[in-house]
Amino acid sequence: MVTPQEHQIEVSVHDTGTGIPAGHLSKLFRIDSKYSLPGTDQEKRSGLGLILSKEFVEKHDGKIWVESVPGTGSTFRFTLPL
């Protein structure tokens, strides 16, 4: 028997940047909630890339999420059906 998870691919991107506090993770993929911290080189971020990524992934019946530890880094993951 084939489970639905066997018909999808999961992609993950990990960084060793500044990380994101748990209380802010839910704001990352929302257009109505602005959240941004400077990067490791103090570069500015708009957050628009994550919003666009979420739209793309969900339009293709996938899921997107992030796991993060402040001071350690973040792992962004998404799934798409095969």
Protein backbone atom coordinates (compact mmCIF):
# COMPACT_ATOMS: atom_id res chain seq x y z
CA MET A 1 0.00 0.00 0.00
CA VAL A 2 1.30 3.46 -0.90
CA THR A 3 0.75 6.28 1.59
CA PRO A 4 0.18 9.89 0.50
CA GLN A 5 3.63 10.86 1.84
CA GLU A 6 5.24 8.54 -0.68
CA HIS A 7 3.76 10.70 -3.45
CA GLN A 8 5.43 13.91 -2.38
CA ILE A 9 8.88 15.39 -2.23
CA GLU A 10 10.23 17.39 0.69
CA VAL A 11 12.83 20.09 0.16
CA SER A 12 14.70 21.75 3.00
CA VAL A 13 17.06 24.71 3.13
CA HIS A 14 19.13 25.20 6.28
CA ASP A 15 21.11 28.24 7.32
CA THR A 16 23.36 29.00 10.26
CA GLY A 17 22.20 32.59 10.57
CA THR A 18 20.66 34.53 13.43
CA GLY A 19 17.64 32.26 13.89
CA ILE A 20 14.08 33.37 14.65
CA PRO A 21 12.41 33.48 18.07
CA ALA A 22 9.50 31.01 18.38
CA GLY A 23 7.00 33.79 18.99
CA HIS A 24 7.71 35.27 15.55
CA LEU A 25 7.61 32.13 13.39
CA SER A 26 3.88 32.43 12.67
CA LYS A 27 4.42 35.94 11.22
CA LEU A 28 6.88 34.86 8.53
CA PHE A 29 4.42 33.67 5.88
CA ARG A 30 1.72 36.32 6.44
CA ILE A 31 1.26 39.39 4.28
CA ASP A 32 -0.70 41.17 7.02
CA SER A 33 2.09 40.83 9.59
CA LYS A 34 5.50 42.36 8.98
CA TYR A 35 8.47 40.76 10.70
CA SER A 36 12.09 41.16 9.77
CA LEU A 37 15.44 41.11 11.53
CA PRO A 38 18.78 42.11 10.02
CA GLY A 39 20.80 39.21 8.62
CA THR A 40 24.21 38.06 9.79
CA ASP A 41 25.84 40.87 7.76
CA GLN A 42 23.15 43.35 8.93
CA GLU A 43 21.45 43.18 5.51
CA LYS A 44 17.80 44.23 5.37
CA ARG A 45 15.09 41.72 4.53
CA SER A 46 11.58 42.36 3.25
CA GLY A 47 9.97 38.97 3.93
CA LEU A 48 8.31 39.09 0.52
CA GLY A 49 10.20 36.02 -0.70
CA LEU A 50 8.64 33.81 1.97
CA ILE A 51 5.16 35.10 1.21
CA LEU A 52 5.64 34.38 -2.51
CA SER A 53 7.09 30.95 -1.72
CA LYS A 54 4.06 30.12 0.43
CA GLU A 55 1.67 31.17 -2.33
CA PHE A 56 3.52 29.04 -4.89
CA VAL A 57 3.74 25.96 -2.66
CA GLU A 58 0.08 26.12 -1.59
CA LYS A 59 -1.14 26.67 -5.17
CA HIS A 60 0.57 23.37 -5.99
CA ASP A 61 -1.05 21.53 -3.05
CA GLY A 62 2.07 21.59 -0.90
CA LYS A 63 2.92 22.74 2.60
CA ILE A 64 5.64 25.09 3.85
CA TRP A 65 7.03 25.64 7.34
CA VAL A 66 10.10 26.70 9.27
CA GLU A 67 12.00 25.38 12.27
CA SER A 68 14.39 27.76 13.97
CA VAL A 69 16.65 28.18 16.98
CA PRO A 70 17.71 31.74 17.85
CA GLY A 71 21.47 32.14 17.57
CA THR A 72 21.80 28.83 15.70
CA GLY A 73 19.89 29.08 12.43
CA SER A 74 16.74 28.05 10.61
CA THR A 75 15.51 25.24 8.40
CA PHE A 76 12.81 26.10 5.88
CA ARG A 77 10.94 23.11 4.49
CA PHE A 78 8.26 22.56 1.88
CA THR A 79 6.52 19.62 0.29
CA LEU A 80 5.05 19.24 -3.19
CA PRO A 81 3.12 16.32 -4.62
CA LEU A 82 4.89 14.24 -7.26
